[in-house]
């Protein structure tokens, strides 16, 4: 793993797999999830297929599957741990 590089494509693929997995755990079709989130089935299909999506789409999906707070906690922790005091 030392010489392997994490690729954006791989992350998008993994996110798509995760969305599909949690959607199916809730016994939702792509159509049903799309309707709940007020988006098209094609958007859900693209997300699950690892294609380009908007951050808004991803955040709505995170919120629906109760992952938004965990994601936000990660972001806040990164901000906190990497903050630099102003030089001014």
Protein backbone atom coordinates (compact mmCIF):
# COMPACT_ATOMS: atom_id res chain seq x y z
CA UNK A 1 0.00 0.00 0.00
CA UNK A 2 3.03 2.26 0.37
CA UNK A 3 3.13 3.08 -3.35
CA UNK A 4 -0.59 2.98 -4.03
CA UNK A 5 -2.39 6.26 -4.43
CA UNK A 6 -5.98 6.76 -3.40
CA UNK A 7 -7.91 7.83 -6.46
CA UNK A 8 -10.99 10.02 -6.54
CA UNK A 9 -12.64 7.47 -8.82
CA UNK A 10 -12.20 4.81 -6.14
CA UNK A 11 -13.77 7.03 -3.48
CA UNK A 12 -16.75 7.79 -5.74
CA UNK A 13 -17.16 4.06 -6.38
CA UNK A 14 -17.01 3.30 -2.66
CA UNK A 15 -19.52 6.06 -1.86
CA UNK A 16 -21.84 4.59 -4.48
CA UNK A 17 -21.52 1.14 -2.96
CA UNK A 18 -22.26 2.54 0.49
CA UNK A 19 -25.35 4.42 -0.70
CA UNK A 20 -26.67 1.33 -2.46
CA UNK A 21 -26.03 -0.81 0.62
CA UNK A 22 -27.80 1.49 3.08
CA UNK A 23 -30.64 2.15 0.63
CA UNK A 24 -31.25 -1.57 0.29
CA UNK A 25 -31.05 -2.04 4.08
CA UNK A 26 -33.96 0.38 4.32
CA UNK A 27 -35.78 -1.56 1.58
CA UNK A 28 -35.89 1.49 -0.67
CA UNK A 29 -35.78 1.49 -4.44
CA UNK A 30 -33.81 4.15 -6.27
CA UNK A 31 -37.15 5.72 -7.22
CA UNK A 32 -38.30 5.82 -3.60
CA UNK A 33 -35.07 7.36 -2.34
CA UNK A 34 -35.12 9.90 -5.14
CA UNK A 35 -38.68 10.90 -4.23
CA UNK A 36 -37.83 11.21 -0.53
CA UNK A 37 -34.85 13.43 -1.36
CA UNK A 38 -36.69 15.38 -4.05
CA UNK A 39 -34.28 14.43 -6.81
CA UNK A 40 -34.37 12.22 -9.87
CA UNK A 41 -33.79 8.48 -9.99
CA UNK A 42 -31.00 9.19 -12.48
CA UNK A 43 -29.22 11.23 -9.80
CA UNK A 44 -29.38 8.29 -7.39
CA UNK A 45 -28.32 5.92 -10.17
CA UNK A 46 -25.33 8.14 -10.98
CA UNK A 47 -24.34 8.36 -7.33
CA UNK A 48 -24.51 4.60 -6.88
CA UNK A 49 -22.59 4.15 -10.13
CA UNK A 50 -19.71 6.32 -8.93
CA UNK A 51 -20.38 9.05 -11.44
CA UNK A 52 -20.03 12.78 -10.82
CA UNK A 53 -22.50 14.22 -8.36
CA UNK A 54 -22.88 17.50 -6.54
CA UNK A 55 -21.88 18.05 -2.95
CA UNK A 56 -25.52 18.99 -2.26
CA UNK A 57 -26.65 15.56 -3.44
CA UNK A 58 -24.08 13.82 -1.28
CA UNK A 59 -24.97 15.88 1.79
CA UNK A 60 -28.70 15.20 1.34
CA UNK A 61 -27.98 11.48 1.14
CA UNK A 62 -25.72 11.66 4.21
CA UNK A 63 -28.50 13.46 6.10
CA UNK A 64 -31.13 10.92 5.07
CA UNK A 65 -28.97 7.99 6.20
CA UNK A 66 -27.93 9.71 9.47
CA UNK A 67 -24.31 10.13 8.38
CA UNK A 68 -24.26 13.92 8.05
CA UNK A 69 -23.43 14.60 11.69
CA UNK A 70 -20.55 12.11 11.61
CA UNK A 71 -19.21 13.72 8.43
CA UNK A 72 -19.55 17.19 9.94
CA UNK A 73 -17.78 16.03 13.12
CA UNK A 74 -14.88 14.84 10.97
CA UNK A 75 -14.71 18.20 9.16
CA UNK A 76 -14.90 20.18 12.42
CA UNK A 77 -12.19 18.03 14.00
CA UNK A 78 -9.92 18.57 10.98
CA UNK A 79 -10.48 22.33 11.20
CA UNK A 80 -9.75 22.30 14.92
CA UNK A 81 -6.62 20.17 14.61
CA UNK A 82 -5.19 22.10 11.69
CA UNK A 83 -5.99 25.66 12.71
CA UNK A 84 -3.20 28.15 12.79
CA UNK A 85 -3.23 31.28 14.84
CA UNK A 86 -3.18 34.46 12.88
CA UNK A 87 0.15 36.18 12.54
CA UNK A 88 -1.59 39.55 12.70
